Amino acid sequence: AQTASGEIIHGRNLDYSFTSTLQSLAIVVDFVRNNDTKFTAVTFGPNPTFNTGVRYGMFSVTQDERDRGNMYRNWFDIAVL
């Protein structure tokens, strides 16, 4: 996430070897109440969980990956954890 002036306030690292596939599946979801964005989150494809979430002016959370295990374990972690 970044401010309107471009200052980065949240970063994440997903070191998967299949990033080109993930880029085409990335979905940014804004949670809006009374025309005001309360949270923004990022997920991939049909995954019901979020890898990154931002509550503007408050906090951010993320799931990082550092190329440990195998591809199946990493997909399990995304889908389940």
N, C-alpha and C. Protein backbone atom coordinates (compact mmCIF):
# COMPACT_ATOMS: atom_id res chain seq x y z
N ALA A 1 0.85 -1.17 0.00
CA ALA A 1 0.00 0.00 0.00
C ALA A 1 0.89 1.23 0.00
N GLN A 2 0.37 2.30 -0.51
CA GLN A 2 1.14 3.54 -0.52
C GLN A 2 0.20 4.72 -0.39
N THR A 3 0.77 5.84 0.02
CA THR A 3 0.00 7.07 0.15
C THR A 3 -0.23 7.67 -1.23
N ALA A 4 -1.07 8.70 -1.28
CA ALA A 4 -1.35 9.37 -2.55
C ALA A 4 -0.08 9.97 -3.15
N SER A 5 0.91 10.31 -2.31
CA SER A 5 2.16 10.88 -2.81
C SER A 5 3.18 9.81 -3.21
N GLY A 6 2.82 8.52 -3.02
CA GLY A 6 3.70 7.44 -3.44
C GLY A 6 4.55 6.84 -2.33
N GLU A 7 4.42 7.32 -1.10
CA GLU A 7 5.18 6.77 0.02
C GLU A 7 4.66 5.37 0.36
N ILE A 8 5.55 4.38 0.35
CA ILE A 8 5.14 3.01 0.65
C ILE A 8 4.95 2.85 2.15
N ILE A 9 3.77 2.36 2.54
CA ILE A 9 3.48 2.16 3.96
C ILE A 9 3.30 0.70 4.31
N HIS A 10 3.32 -0.16 3.30
CA HIS A 10 3.21 -1.60 3.54
C HIS A 10 3.82 -2.31 2.35
N GLY A 11 4.64 -3.30 2.63
CA GLY A 11 5.23 -4.10 1.57
C GLY A 11 5.13 -5.57 1.93
N ARG A 12 5.22 -6.42 0.95
CA ARG A 12 5.19 -7.85 1.22
C ARG A 12 6.10 -8.56 0.24
N ASN A 13 6.40 -9.80 0.56
CA ASN A 13 7.31 -10.57 -0.25
C ASN A 13 6.72 -11.96 -0.47
N LEU A 14 6.30 -12.24 -1.69
CA LEU A 14 5.85 -13.57 -2.06
C LEU A 14 6.83 -14.10 -3.10
N ASP A 15 7.79 -14.88 -2.65
CA ASP A 15 8.88 -15.37 -3.51
C ASP A 15 8.53 -16.64 -4.25
N TYR A 16 7.30 -16.80 -4.65
CA TYR A 16 6.93 -18.00 -5.38
C TYR A 16 7.60 -18.02 -6.74
N SER A 17 7.87 -19.20 -7.25
CA SER A 17 8.50 -19.32 -8.57
C SER A 17 7.48 -19.17 -9.70
N PHE A 18 6.21 -19.06 -9.37
CA PHE A 18 5.15 -18.95 -10.39
C PHE A 18 4.44 -17.60 -10.29
N THR A 19 5.23 -16.54 -10.15
CA THR A 19 4.64 -15.20 -9.96
C THR A 19 3.83 -14.73 -11.15
N SER A 20 4.22 -15.11 -12.37
CA SER A 20 3.44 -14.66 -13.53
C SER A 20 2.02 -15.21 -13.48
N THR A 21 1.86 -16.43 -12.99
CA THR A 21 0.52 -17.00 -12.83
C THR A 21 -0.25 -16.25 -11.76
N LEU A 22 0.39 -15.97 -10.62
CA LEU A 22 -0.28 -15.25 -9.55
C LEU A 22 -0.70 -13.84 -9.97
N GLN A 23 0.13 -13.18 -10.77
CA GLN A 23 -0.21 -11.83 -11.22
C GLN A 23 -1.53 -11.81 -11.97
N SER A 24 -1.79 -12.83 -12.75
CA SER A 24 -3.04 -12.86 -13.51
C SER A 24 -4.24 -13.25 -12.64
N LEU A 25 -3.99 -13.76 -11.43
CA LEU A 25 -5.07 -14.16 -10.52
C LEU A 25 -5.30 -13.17 -9.38
N ALA A 26 -4.46 -12.16 -9.26
CA ALA A 26 -4.55 -11.22 -8.14
C ALA A 26 -5.85 -10.41 -8.19
N ILE A 27 -6.49 -10.30 -7.03
CA ILE A 27 -7.73 -9.55 -6.89
C ILE A 27 -7.58 -8.60 -5.71
N VAL A 28 -7.87 -7.32 -5.93
CA VAL A 28 -7.87 -6.32 -4.87
C VAL A 28 -9.31 -6.08 -4.47
N VAL A 29 -9.60 -6.24 -3.16
CA VAL A 29 -10.97 -6.11 -2.66
C VAL A 29 -11.02 -4.93 -1.69
N ASP A 30 -11.92 -3.99 -1.94
CA ASP A 30 -12.15 -2.87 -1.03
C ASP A 30 -13.42 -3.13 -0.24
N PHE A 31 -13.33 -2.99 1.08
CA PHE A 31 -14.50 -3.10 1.95
C PHE A 31 -14.96 -1.69 2.27
N VAL A 32 -16.16 -1.36 1.81
CA VAL A 32 -16.65 0.01 1.87
C VAL A 32 -17.90 0.08 2.74
N ARG A 33 -17.95 1.11 3.59
CA ARG A 33 -19.15 1.38 4.39
C ARG A 33 -19.44 2.88 4.28
N ASN A 34 -20.67 3.20 3.95
CA ASN A 34 -21.09 4.61 3.81
C ASN A 34 -20.16 5.38 2.88
N ASN A 35 -19.83 4.76 1.76
CA ASN A 35 -18.99 5.38 0.73
C ASN A 35 -17.56 5.66 1.21
N ASP A 36 -17.10 4.99 2.26
CA ASP A 36 -15.76 5.17 2.81
C ASP A 36 -15.06 3.81 2.85
N THR A 37 -13.89 3.70 2.24
CA THR A 37 -13.15 2.44 2.24
C THR A 37 -12.57 2.19 3.62
N LYS A 38 -12.99 1.09 4.25
CA LYS A 38 -12.54 0.75 5.60
C LYS A 38 -11.31 -0.15 5.57
N PHE A 39 -11.30 -1.13 4.67
CA PHE A 39 -10.19 -2.07 4.52
C PHE A 39 -9.95 -2.31 3.03
N THR A 40 -8.72 -2.63 2.68
CA THR A 40 -8.39 -3.13 1.36
C THR A 40 -7.61 -4.41 1.56
N ALA A 41 -7.90 -5.42 0.77
CA ALA A 41 -7.24 -6.72 0.91
C ALA A 41 -6.90 -7.26 -0.48
N VAL A 42 -5.90 -8.15 -0.52
CA VAL A 42 -5.47 -8.78 -1.76
C VAL A 42 -5.57 -10.29 -1.59
N THR A 43 -6.11 -10.96 -2.60
CA THR A 43 -6.17 -12.41 -2.63
C THR A 43 -5.87 -12.87 -4.04
N PHE A 44 -5.83 -14.16 -4.23
CA PHE A 44 -5.53 -14.72 -5.55
C PHE A 44 -6.65 -15.65 -5.98
N GLY A 45 -7.21 -15.37 -7.15
CA GLY A 45 -8.22 -16.24 -7.76
C GLY A 45 -9.38 -16.54 -6.84
N PRO A 46 -9.80 -17.78 -6.82
CA PRO A 46 -10.98 -18.14 -6.03
C PRO A 46 -10.67 -18.38 -4.55
N ASN A 47 -9.48 -18.04 -4.10
CA ASN A 47 -9.07 -18.25 -2.71
C ASN A 47 -9.95 -17.41 -1.77
N PRO A 48 -10.59 -18.01 -0.76
CA PRO A 48 -11.48 -17.25 0.13
C PRO A 48 -10.74 -16.51 1.25
N THR A 49 -9.42 -16.62 1.30
CA THR A 49 -8.65 -15.93 2.34
C THR A 49 -7.87 -14.78 1.72
N PHE A 50 -7.23 -13.97 2.56
CA PHE A 50 -6.48 -12.82 2.06
C PHE A 50 -5.02 -12.94 2.46
N ASN A 51 -4.14 -12.55 1.53
CA ASN A 51 -2.72 -12.55 1.80
C ASN A 51 -2.24 -11.24 2.39
N THR A 52 -2.97 -10.18 2.13
CA THR A 52 -2.61 -8.86 2.60
C THR A 52 -3.89 -8.10 2.95
N GLY A 53 -3.84 -7.37 4.05
CA GLY A 53 -4.98 -6.53 4.42
C GLY A 53 -4.48 -5.22 5.00
N VAL A 54 -5.16 -4.13 4.67
CA VAL A 54 -4.77 -2.80 5.15
C VAL A 54 -6.00 -2.10 5.72
N ARG A 55 -5.88 -1.60 6.92
CA ARG A 55 -6.87 -0.70 7.52
C ARG A 55 -6.20 0.65 7.52
N TYR A 56 -6.60 1.53 6.61
CA TYR A 56 -5.91 2.80 6.41
C TYR A 56 -5.85 3.61 7.70
N GLY A 57 -4.65 4.10 7.99
CA GLY A 57 -4.43 4.90 9.18
C GLY A 57 -4.31 4.10 10.46
N MET A 58 -4.39 2.76 10.37
CA MET A 58 -4.39 1.93 11.57
C MET A 58 -3.31 0.85 11.54
N PHE A 59 -3.43 -0.12 10.63
CA PHE A 59 -2.52 -1.26 10.62
C PHE A 59 -2.59 -1.98 9.28
N SER A 60 -1.64 -2.89 9.09
CA SER A 60 -1.67 -3.78 7.93
C SER A 60 -1.18 -5.15 8.37
N VAL A 61 -1.64 -6.17 7.66
CA VAL A 61 -1.23 -7.55 7.94
C VAL A 61 -0.87 -8.20 6.60
N THR A 62 0.00 -9.18 6.65
CA THR A 62 0.41 -9.84 5.43
C THR A 62 0.86 -11.26 5.70
N GLN A 63 0.84 -12.05 4.66
CA GLN A 63 1.41 -13.39 4.68
C GLN A 63 2.63 -13.34 3.77
N ASP A 64 3.78 -13.73 4.29
CA ASP A 64 4.99 -13.75 3.48
C ASP A 64 5.38 -15.18 3.15
N GLU A 65 6.15 -15.33 2.09
CA GLU A 65 6.62 -16.64 1.65
C GLU A 65 8.09 -16.51 1.32
N ARG A 66 8.88 -17.49 1.72
CA ARG A 66 10.32 -17.42 1.52
C ARG A 66 10.88 -18.67 0.85
N ASP A 67 10.16 -19.25 -0.09
CA ASP A 67 10.62 -20.42 -0.84
C ASP A 67 11.08 -21.57 0.04
N ARG A 68 10.27 -21.94 0.99
CA ARG A 68 10.53 -23.12 1.80
C ARG A 68 9.51 -24.18 1.43
N GLY A 69 9.89 -25.42 1.55
CA GLY A 69 8.96 -26.49 1.21
C GLY A 69 8.81 -26.62 -0.29
N ASN A 70 7.76 -27.29 -0.70
CA ASN A 70 7.52 -27.46 -2.13
C ASN A 70 6.28 -26.69 -2.56
N MET A 71 6.01 -26.69 -3.84
CA MET A 71 4.89 -25.92 -4.37
C MET A 71 3.56 -26.34 -3.75
N TYR A 72 3.37 -27.64 -3.55
CA TYR A 72 2.10 -28.13 -3.00
C TYR A 72 1.89 -27.64 -1.57
N ARG A 73 2.96 -27.64 -0.79
CA ARG A 73 2.85 -27.14 0.59
C ARG A 73 2.55 -25.64 0.58
N ASN A 74 3.16 -24.90 -0.32
CA ASN A 74 2.90 -23.45 -0.41
C ASN A 74 1.45 -23.20 -0.81
N TRP A 75 0.93 -23.96 -1.77
CA TRP A 75 -0.48 -23.79 -2.17
C TRP A 75 -1.40 -24.16 -0.99
N PHE A 76 -1.04 -25.19 -0.25
CA PHE A 76 -1.82 -25.57 0.93
C PHE A 76 -1.85 -24.41 1.92
N ASP A 77 -0.70 -23.80 2.15
CA ASP A 77 -0.63 -22.67 3.08
C ASP A 77 -1.50 -21.51 2.63
N ILE A 78 -1.52 -21.22 1.34
CA ILE A 78 -2.37 -20.14 0.84
C ILE A 78 -3.84 -20.49 1.02
N ALA A 79 -4.20 -21.72 0.69
CA ALA A 79 -5.61 -22.12 0.70
C ALA A 79 -6.17 -22.34 2.10
N VAL A 80 -5.34 -22.79 3.03
CA VAL A 80 -5.85 -23.21 4.32
C VAL A 80 -5.44 -22.28 5.47
N LEU A 81 -4.22 -21.80 5.44
CA LEU A 81 -3.73 -21.02 6.58
C LEU A 81 -4.05 -19.57 6.51
